[in-house]
Amino acid sequence: MSTAMRRIQTGSVLSAFGLGFTVPYLYVYVAQVRDLGSGTAGLVLAVFATAALTVLPFTGRVMDRRGPIPVLVGAAVFAAAGALALGFASSVPLAVASAALLGAATAVIQPALATLVVWCSTPSTRTRAYATQFFLQNLGLGIGGLVGGQIVDESRPGTFTLLFAIEAAMFLVLGAIAATVRLTRPVREDGLDGAGAVARGGTGLRALLSHRAMVRLLVLAFVVFFACYGQFESGLTAYGTDAAGIDPSSLGIALAVNTAVIVVAQFLVLRLVERRRRTRVIALVGLVWAAAWLVAGYAGLAHAGQAVATVAFVSTYGLFGLGEALLSPTVAPLVSDLAPSSMVGQYNSAFALVKQLALAVGPAVGAPMAAGMHAPYIATFVLFSLAVTVLALWLGRRLTPVQERPALAVPSRVVARHLPEGTGERAPVPQPVS
């Protein structure tokens, strides 16, 4: 792993640690600690989630013109400001505005980090780099949530202010680390710049939408995030407590199991993933998630007793974690490998935008169904999971052998040109690989 990649991964895990500190407690903080009511807390959460939709359509073009490092540094500074303001928010307008700033900034950070991973990796190392990033982010979120839970005290608002101050500090550290990375734009000579028609047709939204493989991938991504991630903190938890009778404390155990499976399984499955066609692995994820929803259905509909229902429900989160571990080294690297070198930022931003849309629509659709239509809820998301399998195989018909298996790519002639540490000079262009 290069020095630049290590710095990016370090900043990524620290920012995830900061988010893990605060996001699980945001509702309680606004509704109870600041005494702004449950309605305001719901509005804050909604604004935090949807603020991304206002910035992501423009983020990619800026990254492709200016580079991801200035965008990442700026987003980190704004995220720190939003977190710190939220820690002192004692009124509805300030809480909502702070959440909007924090949500928009953190949404920009994700595609900026993804684009930097592309700049710092080769086709042969990109899959492992994305898997490592996903692993570290989940580890950071999990540890942040655990540590934050030991600090917060609902009777002492100052403990929550401390959490948000630590989160702000983590974002500033991310920005400082990103500012030390010295890279120039990579030149793709590896056989993976598979959007020749896009490259000839210019850049922008029209060019992206003319790339059929990318459009299919975006459709697949929407279904993936709608069927899984969009249900974690809304529909699935409502279903667990209402239909399965799960104790609220068991929900925390289920989330911990999900994180533990990801952490343990990520590198165990990585070698399997690297040897297989990407779309076949994604198709397998759909089958694993369909099984997870069937287990959830058993937990809530079989009337097998409290203990059995709890074990089944926790197992559902474990199966979702296994699917996530299989998914992380496939979908995100594929986005980057489909992108022409002039549009890597726009492709990653489009992917982040679709993800955010799915995360917004998922709870709106799933939560009402989970609260009163238990069997239809399970059936719906079993079908959506199976749709992941079908769409993955459909996508595979549009990919080249090299895009399916990056190990088949020729060695990169130029990946990213590193600048000497501590200088402002441009490094010489590497010579072609013989």
Foldseek 3Di string as FASTA:
>chain_A
DDPLLVLLLVLLLLLLLLCLLAPVCQQVCCCQLLVPHNVLSVLLVLLLLCLQLVALQPLQLCCLVPNLLVLLLVLLLQLLVLLLQCLVDNDSVSSNVSSSSNSNSVLSNVLSSLLVLQLVDWLVCSLVSLLSSVLSSLVSSVVSNVVSVVQDDSVDSVSSSVSSNSSSVSSNSSSVSSVQFFWDFWAFPWPLQPLVVLVVVDDDDVSQVVQVLLVLLLVLLLLVLLLPVLCLVAQLVLLCCAQLVADPVLSVVLSVLLSVLLNVCQVVCSVVLLVFFLLQLQLVLLVLLLVLLVLQCCSRPVPPDNVSSSVSSSVSSNSNSNSVSSNRSRSSVLLQSHHRSSRSSVSSSSSSSSSSVSSSVNNVPRRVCSNPPPVVSSVVSSVSSNVSNVSSVVSVVSDDPCSRNVVPIDTGQTRIFGDDRPDPDGDDGDGGDD
